[in-house]
C-alpha atoms as a PDB file:
ATOM      1  CA  MET A   1      15.765  39.140  41.488  1.00  0.00           C
ATOM      2  CA  ARG A   2      13.592  37.032  39.284  1.00  0.00           C
ATOM      3  CA  ILE A   3      13.404  38.930  35.998  1.00  0.00           C
ATOM      4  CA  THR A   4      12.792  36.968  32.823  1.00  0.00           C
ATOM      5  CA  ALA A   5      12.368  37.853  29.172  1.00  0.00           C
ATOM      6  CA  SER A   6       9.063  37.587  27.358  1.00  0.00           C
ATOM      7  CA  SER A   7       8.033  38.399  23.815  1.00  0.00           C
ATOM      8  CA  GLU A   8       6.621  41.713  25.080  1.00  0.00           C
ATOM      9  CA  GLY A   9       9.382  42.784  27.471  1.00  0.00           C
ATOM     10  CA  ALA A  10      10.495  41.783  30.952  1.00  0.00           C
ATOM     11  CA  LEU A  11       8.596  39.806  33.597  1.00  0.00           C
ATOM     12  CA  LEU A  12       9.311  40.777  37.198  1.00  0.00           C
ATOM     13  CA  SER A  13       8.298  38.761  40.271  1.00  0.00           C
ATOM     14  CA  VAL A  14       6.999  41.009  43.057  1.00  0.00           C
ATOM     15  CA  ARG A  15       5.554  40.526  46.537  1.00  0.00           C
ATOM     16  CA  VAL A  16       3.266  43.379  47.555  1.00  0.00           C
ATOM     17  CA  SER A  17       2.475  44.620  51.050  1.00  0.00           C
ATOM     18  CA  PRO A  18      -0.735  46.678  50.782  1.00  0.00           C
ATOM     19  CA  LYS A  19      -2.009  49.240  53.304  1.00  0.00           C
ATOM     20  CA  ALA A  20       1.542  50.320  54.174  1.00  0.00           C
ATOM     21  CA  SER A  21       2.313  53.686  55.743  1.00  0.00           C
ATOM     22  CA  ARG A  22       4.195  54.721  52.588  1.00  0.00           C
ATOM     23  CA  ASN A  23       5.071  53.422  49.143  1.00  0.00           C
ATOM     24  CA  GLY A  24       8.523  51.962  48.732  1.00  0.00           C
ATOM     25  CA  ILE A  25      10.818  49.143  47.722  1.00  0.00           C
ATOM     26  CA  GLU A  26      11.700  47.068  50.784  1.00  0.00           C
ATOM     27  CA  GLY A  27      14.360  44.890  49.193  1.00  0.00           C
ATOM     28  CA  VAL A  28      14.670  41.432  47.716  1.00  0.00           C
ATOM     29  CA  ARG A  29      13.776  38.164  49.467  1.00  0.00           C
ATOM     30  CA  ASN A  30      13.963  34.755  47.808  1.00  0.00           C
ATOM     31  CA  ASN A  31      14.668  36.433  44.451  1.00  0.00           C
ATOM     32  CA  VAL A  32      11.391  38.377  44.668  1.00  0.00           C
ATOM     33  CA  LEU A  33      11.222  42.184  44.810  1.00  0.00           C
ATOM     34  CA  GLN A  34       9.399  43.327  47.960  1.00  0.00           C
ATOM     35  CA  VAL A  35       7.248  46.439  47.428  1.00  0.00           C
ATOM     36  CA  ARG A  36       4.915  48.211  49.832  1.00  0.00           C
ATOM     37  CA  VAL A  37       1.994  50.372  48.713  1.00  0.00           C
ATOM     38  CA  THR A  38      -0.409  52.534  50.672  1.00  0.00           C
ATOM     39  CA  ALA A  39      -3.529  51.358  48.839  1.00  0.00           C
ATOM     40  CA  PRO A  40      -5.739  48.603  50.233  1.00  0.00           C
ATOM     41  CA  PRO A  41      -6.038  45.321  48.328  1.00  0.00           C
ATOM     42  CA  ALA A  42      -9.680  46.013  47.406  1.00  0.00           C
ATOM     43  CA  GLU A  43     -11.082  46.606  43.930  1.00  0.00           C
ATOM     44  CA  GLY A  44      -7.636  46.457  42.332  1.00  0.00           C
ATOM     45  CA  LEU A  45      -6.428  49.607  44.089  1.00  0.00           C
ATOM     46  CA  ALA A  46      -3.162  48.064  45.289  1.00  0.00           C
ATOM     47  CA  ASN A  47      -2.481  46.633  41.818  1.00  0.00           C
ATOM     48  CA  ARG A  48      -3.100  50.021  40.214  1.00  0.00           C
ATOM     49  CA  LEU A  49      -0.861  51.840  42.691  1.00  0.00           C
ATOM     50  CA  LEU A  50       1.831  49.156  42.315  1.00  0.00           C
ATOM     51  CA  GLY A  51       1.853  49.735  38.544  1.00  0.00           C
ATOM     52  CA  GLU A  52       2.028  53.508  38.938  1.00  0.00           C
ATOM     53  CA  PHE A  53       4.773  53.266  41.552  1.00  0.00           C
ATOM     54  CA  LEU A  54       6.935  50.877  39.509  1.00  0.00           C
ATOM     55  CA  ALA A  55       6.456  52.983  36.370  1.00  0.00           C
ATOM     56  CA  LYS A  56       7.645  56.092  38.198  1.00  0.00           C
ATOM     57  CA  GLN A  57      10.601  54.301  39.804  1.00  0.00           C
ATOM     58  CA  LEU A  58      11.707  52.746  36.505  1.00  0.00           C
ATOM     59  CA  GLY A  59      11.103  55.900  34.458  1.00  0.00           C
ATOM     60  CA  VAL A  60       8.557  54.388  32.081  1.00  0.00           C
ATOM     61  CA  ALA A  61       4.950  55.139  31.120  1.00  0.00           C
ATOM     62  CA  LYS A  62       2.217  53.711  33.358  1.00  0.00           C
ATOM     63  CA  SER A  63       0.850  51.889  30.319  1.00  0.00           C
ATOM     64  CA  SER A  64       4.121  49.916  30.127  1.00  0.00           C
ATOM     65  CA  VAL A  65       3.508  48.234  33.497  1.00  0.00           C
ATOM     66  CA  GLU A  66       0.854  45.545  33.857  1.00  0.00           C
ATOM     67  CA  VAL A  67       0.044  42.859  36.412  1.00  0.00           C
ATOM     68  CA  VAL A  68      -0.182  39.642  34.385  1.00  0.00           C
ATOM     69  CA  ARG A  69      -0.362  37.076  37.196  1.00  0.00           C
ATOM     70  CA  GLY A  70      -1.483  37.202  40.823  1.00  0.00           C
ATOM     71  CA  PHE A  71      -4.288  39.775  40.578  1.00  0.00           C
ATOM     72  CA  LYS A  72      -5.722  38.763  43.957  1.00  0.00           C
ATOM     73  CA  SER A  73      -2.497  37.592  45.568  1.00  0.00           C
ATOM     74  CA  ARG A  74       0.444  39.330  47.208  1.00  0.00           C
ATOM     75  CA  GLU A  75       2.737  37.364  44.881  1.00  0.00           C
ATOM     76  CA  LYS A  76       2.539  38.917  41.421  1.00  0.00           C
ATOM     77  CA  VAL A  77       4.227  38.830  38.053  1.00  0.00           C
ATOM     78  CA  ILE A  78       4.540  42.238  36.412  1.00  0.00           C
ATOM     79  CA  LEU A  79       5.029  42.756  32.680  1.00  0.00           C
ATOM     80  CA  LEU A  80       7.328  45.676  31.917  1.00  0.00           C
ATOM     81  CA  ARG A  81       6.412  46.171  28.287  1.00  0.00           C
ATOM     82  CA  GLY A  82       9.263  46.980  25.908  1.00  0.00           C
ATOM     83  CA  LEU A  83      12.003  46.738  28.539  1.00  0.00           C
ATOM     84  CA  ASP A  84      15.026  44.456  28.468  1.00  0.00           C
ATOM     85  CA  PRO A  85      15.412  42.299  31.620  1.00  0.00           C
ATOM     86  CA  ALA A  86      19.053  43.394  32.047  1.00  0.00           C
ATOM     87  CA  LEU A  87      18.006  47.065  31.981  1.00  0.00           C
ATOM     88  CA  VAL A  88      15.235  46.431  34.526  1.00  0.00           C
ATOM     89  CA  GLU A  89      17.688  44.663  36.826  1.00  0.00           C
ATOM     90  CA  GLN A  90      20.207  47.496  36.491  1.00  0.00           C
ATOM     91  CA  ARG A  91      17.596  50.151  37.349  1.00  0.00           C
ATOM     92  CA  LEU A  92      16.221  48.182  40.293  1.00  0.00           C
ATOM     93  CA  LEU A  93      19.672  47.494  41.725  1.00  0.00           C
ATOM     94  CA  HIS A  94      20.394  51.219  41.510  1.00  0.00           C
ATOM     95  CA  LEU A  95      17.134  51.968  43.371  1.00  0.00           C
ATOM     96  CA  LEU A  96      17.969  49.387  46.034  1.00  0.00           C
ATOM     97  CA  GLU A  97      21.441  50.894  46.516  1.00  0.00           C
ATOM     98  CA  GLN A  98      19.885  54.358  46.888  1.00  0.00           C
ATOM     99  CA  ALA A  99      17.406  53.052  49.457  1.00  0.00           C
ATOM    100  CA  GLU A 100      20.204  51.457  51.473  1.00  0.00           C
ATOM    101  CA  SER A 101      22.289  54.640  51.459  1.00  0.00           C
ATOM    102  CA  ASP A 102      19.233  56.682  52.582  1.00  0.00           C
ATOM    103  CA  ASN A 103      18.641  54.261  55.478  1.00  0.00           C
ATOM    104  CA  PRO A 104      22.071  53.122  56.735  1.00  0.00           C
END
């Protein structure tokens, strides 16, 4: 996964699939986290839901998650304010392992 350090926290590369049947982490492709959200890509709804979903999955406040690049694109860079990149990677790998064990 592409997770880099910034002065404010960790930067995570994400590819979003809006208008999905359910929210979820699909996996990792080309070092980019694949996430699906139920919201449409209109009026920032998918971005907002993506932030809320990632905050819940990572156990952080919604205010700690912000789209900083790719507002109108499926390819986004997310700032995870105050988080160490190694911690983000550890939490996401744990979530991916859980998802794989739920869907063998």
